[in-house]
Amino acid sequence: MYEDIEYAASFGFASVGTNNGHDGVYGDAFLHNPDVIEDYAYRAVHTGVVVGKDVTRSFYGTPHTKSYFLSCSAGGRSGFKEAQDFPEDFNGIIAGAPAINFNNITSWSCSFLPTTGPVD
């Protein structure tokens, strides 16, 4: 995430990133916790957009003129969700390889990764 923020900032853009409200690779935090699920599904990105625009306005003393979204995989899925639920958040969205079919992706990871083991 930080390298993406640095990349956008290197071109003079104010940039914001989130972890969708979830740190780590385990899903324990999601069990019986609908707020965490909503954060991961959509709320964390929208909140990051709202806060990022407020911080940018406070820092520069003027509101932004354009706002763009660029992400891939789970972030690509977030881009689709932003376009659907909060179309006013961005002037443009680039959502690469969106992980839309989340149930199948998760089940594939659960069966494939234990067989192959971690990358390290």
C-alpha atoms as a PDB file:
ATOM      1  CA  MET A   1       0.000   0.000   0.000  1.00  0.00           C
ATOM      2  CA  TYR A   2       2.722   2.483   0.944  1.00  0.00           C
ATOM      3  CA  GLU A   3       4.559   2.124  -2.357  1.00  0.00           C
ATOM      4  CA  ASP A   4       1.301   2.973  -4.172  1.00  0.00           C
ATOM      5  CA  ILE A   5       0.872   6.112  -2.073  1.00  0.00           C
ATOM      6  CA  GLU A   6       4.500   7.058  -2.725  1.00  0.00           C
ATOM      7  CA  TYR A   7       4.049   6.465  -6.468  1.00  0.00           C
ATOM      8  CA  ALA A   8       1.045   8.801  -6.697  1.00  0.00           C
ATOM      9  CA  ALA A   9       2.730  11.410  -4.497  1.00  0.00           C
ATOM     10  CA  SER A  10       5.818  11.353  -6.754  1.00  0.00           C
ATOM     11  CA  PHE A  11       3.610  12.830  -9.496  1.00  0.00           C
ATOM     12  CA  GLY A  12       2.340  15.593  -7.213  1.00  0.00           C
ATOM     13  CA  PHE A  13      -0.950  13.978  -6.249  1.00  0.00           C
ATOM     14  CA  ALA A  14      -2.296  13.978  -2.718  1.00  0.00           C
ATOM     15  CA  SER A  15      -2.849  10.262  -2.160  1.00  0.00           C
ATOM     16  CA  VAL A  16      -4.623   8.099   0.378  1.00  0.00           C
ATOM     17  CA  GLY A  17      -4.553   4.368   0.997  1.00  0.00           C
ATOM     18  CA  THR A  18      -6.341   1.987   3.336  1.00  0.00           C
ATOM     19  CA  ASN A  19      -6.053  -1.617   4.424  1.00  0.00           C
ATOM     20  CA  ASN A  20      -9.850  -1.933   4.177  1.00  0.00           C
ATOM     21  CA  GLY A  21      -9.995  -2.037   7.951  1.00  0.00           C
ATOM     22  CA  HIS A  22      -8.141  -5.359   8.180  1.00  0.00           C
ATOM     23  CA  ASP A  23      -4.532  -6.049   9.071  1.00  0.00           C
ATOM     24  CA  GLY A  24      -3.140  -9.503   8.494  1.00  0.00           C
ATOM     25  CA  VAL A  25      -3.980 -12.674   6.617  1.00  0.00           C
ATOM     26  CA  TYR A  26      -6.362 -14.394   9.031  1.00  0.00           C
ATOM     27  CA  GLY A  27     -10.123 -13.978   9.157  1.00  0.00           C
ATOM     28  CA  ASP A  28     -10.702 -14.359  12.904  1.00  0.00           C
ATOM     29  CA  ALA A  29     -11.680 -10.691  13.261  1.00  0.00           C
ATOM     30  CA  PHE A  30     -14.599 -11.193  10.849  1.00  0.00           C
ATOM     31  CA  LEU A  31     -16.341 -13.911  12.887  1.00  0.00           C
ATOM     32  CA  HIS A  32     -19.566 -12.582  14.456  1.00  0.00           C
ATOM     33  CA  ASN A  33     -18.467  -9.012  13.734  1.00  0.00           C
ATOM     34  CA  PRO A  34     -20.646  -7.390  11.054  1.00  0.00           C
ATOM     35  CA  ASP A  35     -18.952  -3.997  11.503  1.00  0.00           C
ATOM     36  CA  VAL A  36     -15.592  -5.476  10.518  1.00  0.00           C
ATOM     37  CA  ILE A  37     -17.213  -7.149   7.505  1.00  0.00           C
ATOM     38  CA  GLU A  38     -18.779  -3.849   6.399  1.00  0.00           C
ATOM     39  CA  ASP A  39     -15.450  -2.052   6.869  1.00  0.00           C
ATOM     40  CA  TYR A  40     -13.692  -4.604   4.669  1.00  0.00           C
ATOM     41  CA  ALA A  41     -16.461  -4.784   2.077  1.00  0.00           C
ATOM     42  CA  TYR A  42     -16.810  -1.048   1.452  1.00  0.00           C
ATOM     43  CA  ARG A  43     -16.869   1.346   4.402  1.00  0.00           C
ATOM     44  CA  ALA A  44     -13.104   1.671   4.986  1.00  0.00           C
ATOM     45  CA  VAL A  45     -12.396   2.885   1.449  1.00  0.00           C
ATOM     46  CA  HIS A  46     -15.234   5.421   1.481  1.00  0.00           C
ATOM     47  CA  THR A  47     -14.164   6.676   4.916  1.00  0.00           C
ATOM     48  CA  GLY A  48     -10.577   6.986   3.670  1.00  0.00           C
ATOM     49  CA  VAL A  49     -11.807   9.061   0.720  1.00  0.00           C
ATOM     50  CA  VAL A  50     -13.819  11.418   2.929  1.00  0.00           C
ATOM     51  CA  VAL A  51     -10.999  11.866   5.457  1.00  0.00           C
ATOM     52  CA  GLY A  52      -8.354  12.165   2.724  1.00  0.00           C
ATOM     53  CA  LYS A  53     -10.269  14.945   0.996  1.00  0.00           C
ATOM     54  CA  ASP A  54     -10.725  16.786   4.309  1.00  0.00           C
ATOM     55  CA  VAL A  55      -7.013  16.491   5.147  1.00  0.00           C
ATOM     56  CA  THR A  56      -6.053  17.644   1.646  1.00  0.00           C
ATOM     57  CA  ARG A  57      -8.348  20.666   1.892  1.00  0.00           C
ATOM     58  CA  SER A  58      -6.968  21.553   5.341  1.00  0.00           C
ATOM     59  CA  PHE A  59      -3.340  21.170   4.235  1.00  0.00           C
ATOM     60  CA  TYR A  60      -3.581  23.072   0.947  1.00  0.00           C
ATOM     61  CA  GLY A  61      -6.275  25.530   2.019  1.00  0.00           C
ATOM     62  CA  THR A  62      -8.376  24.711  -1.032  1.00  0.00           C
ATOM     63  CA  PRO A  63     -10.531  21.740  -2.000  1.00  0.00           C
ATOM     64  CA  HIS A  64      -9.401  19.196  -4.568  1.00  0.00           C
ATOM     65  CA  THR A  65     -10.523  19.621  -8.159  1.00  0.00           C
ATOM     66  CA  LYS A  66     -10.332  15.998  -9.306  1.00  0.00           C
ATOM     67  CA  SER A  67     -10.244  12.647  -7.551  1.00  0.00           C
ATOM     68  CA  TYR A  68      -9.194   9.302  -9.032  1.00  0.00           C
ATOM     69  CA  PHE A  69      -9.124   5.708  -7.823  1.00  0.00           C
ATOM     70  CA  LEU A  70      -6.496   3.173  -8.908  1.00  0.00           C
ATOM     71  CA  SER A  71      -6.247  -0.334  -7.481  1.00  0.00           C
ATOM     72  CA  CYS A  72      -6.212  -4.017  -8.326  1.00  0.00           C
ATOM     73  CA  SER A  73      -7.591  -7.339  -7.032  1.00  0.00           C
ATOM     74  CA  ALA A  74      -9.366  -6.710  -3.698  1.00  0.00           C
ATOM     75  CA  GLY A  75      -8.765  -3.023  -4.366  1.00  0.00           C
ATOM     76  CA  GLY A  76     -10.311  -3.453  -7.801  1.00  0.00           C
ATOM     77  CA  ARG A  77     -13.373  -4.908  -6.111  1.00  0.00           C
ATOM     78  CA  SER A  78     -13.411  -1.866  -3.835  1.00  0.00           C
ATOM     79  CA  GLY A  79     -13.347   0.358  -6.912  1.00  0.00           C
ATOM     80  CA  PHE A  80     -16.455  -1.343  -8.282  1.00  0.00           C
ATOM     81  CA  LYS A  81     -18.174  -0.955  -4.899  1.00  0.00           C
ATOM     82  CA  GLU A  82     -17.237   2.739  -4.773  1.00  0.00           C
ATOM     83  CA  ALA A  83     -18.690   3.302  -8.253  1.00  0.00           C
ATOM     84  CA  GLN A  84     -21.874   1.516  -7.223  1.00  0.00           C
ATOM     85  CA  ASP A  85     -22.460   3.069  -3.793  1.00  0.00           C
ATOM     86  CA  PHE A  86     -20.526   6.355  -3.812  1.00  0.00           C
ATOM     87  CA  PRO A  87     -20.248   7.563  -7.422  1.00  0.00           C
ATOM     88  CA  GLU A  88     -19.573  11.116  -6.236  1.00  0.00           C
ATOM     89  CA  ASP A  89     -16.302  10.057  -4.528  1.00  0.00           C
ATOM     90  CA  PHE A  90     -14.226   9.895  -7.731  1.00  0.00           C
ATOM     91  CA  ASN A  91     -14.028  11.510 -11.148  1.00  0.00           C
ATOM     92  CA  GLY A  92     -12.534   8.310 -12.528  1.00  0.00           C
ATOM     93  CA  ILE A  93     -11.938   4.742 -11.367  1.00  0.00           C
ATOM     94  CA  ILE A  94      -9.346   2.282 -12.658  1.00  0.00           C
ATOM     95  CA  ALA A  95     -10.235  -1.070 -11.103  1.00  0.00           C
ATOM     96  CA  GLY A  96      -7.801  -3.702 -12.337  1.00  0.00           C
ATOM     97  CA  ALA A  97      -8.455  -7.453 -11.986  1.00  0.00           C
ATOM     98  CA  PRO A  98     -11.337  -6.919  -9.545  1.00  0.00           C
ATOM     99  CA  ALA A  99     -11.793  -9.792  -7.095  1.00  0.00           C
ATOM    100  CA  ILE A 100     -15.564  -9.810  -7.591  1.00  0.00           C
ATOM    101  CA  ASN A 101     -16.239 -13.531  -7.172  1.00  0.00           C
ATOM    102  CA  PHE A 102     -15.011 -13.422  -3.586  1.00  0.00           C
ATOM    103  CA  ASN A 103     -16.522 -16.730  -2.419  1.00  0.00           C
ATOM    104  CA  ASN A 104     -14.794 -18.737  -5.147  1.00  0.00           C
ATOM    105  CA  ILE A 105     -11.508 -16.884  -4.689  1.00  0.00           C
ATOM    106  CA  THR A 106     -11.571 -17.567  -0.953  1.00  0.00           C
ATOM    107  CA  SER A 107     -12.466 -21.237  -1.341  1.00  0.00           C
ATOM    108  CA  TRP A 108      -9.691 -21.668  -3.930  1.00  0.00           C
ATOM    109  CA  SER A 109      -7.166 -20.119  -1.538  1.00  0.00           C
ATOM    110  CA  CYS A 110      -8.358 -22.374   1.276  1.00  0.00           C
ATOM    111  CA  SER A 111      -7.833 -25.511  -0.804  1.00  0.00           C
ATOM    112  CA  PHE A 112      -4.770 -24.503  -2.848  1.00  0.00           C
ATOM    113  CA  LEU A 113      -2.541 -22.736  -0.332  1.00  0.00           C
ATOM    114  CA  PRO A 114      -2.497 -25.520   2.297  1.00  0.00           C
ATOM    115  CA  THR A 115      -1.404 -27.912  -0.461  1.00  0.00           C
ATOM    116  CA  THR A 116       1.369 -25.723  -1.858  1.00  0.00           C
ATOM    117  CA  GLY A 117       2.433 -23.978   1.329  1.00  0.00           C
ATOM    118  CA  PRO A 118       3.590 -20.394   1.738  1.00  0.00           C
ATOM    119  CA  VAL A 119       5.895 -18.624  -0.708  1.00  0.00           C
ATOM    120  CA  ASP A 120       8.757 -18.504   1.789  1.00  0.00           C
END
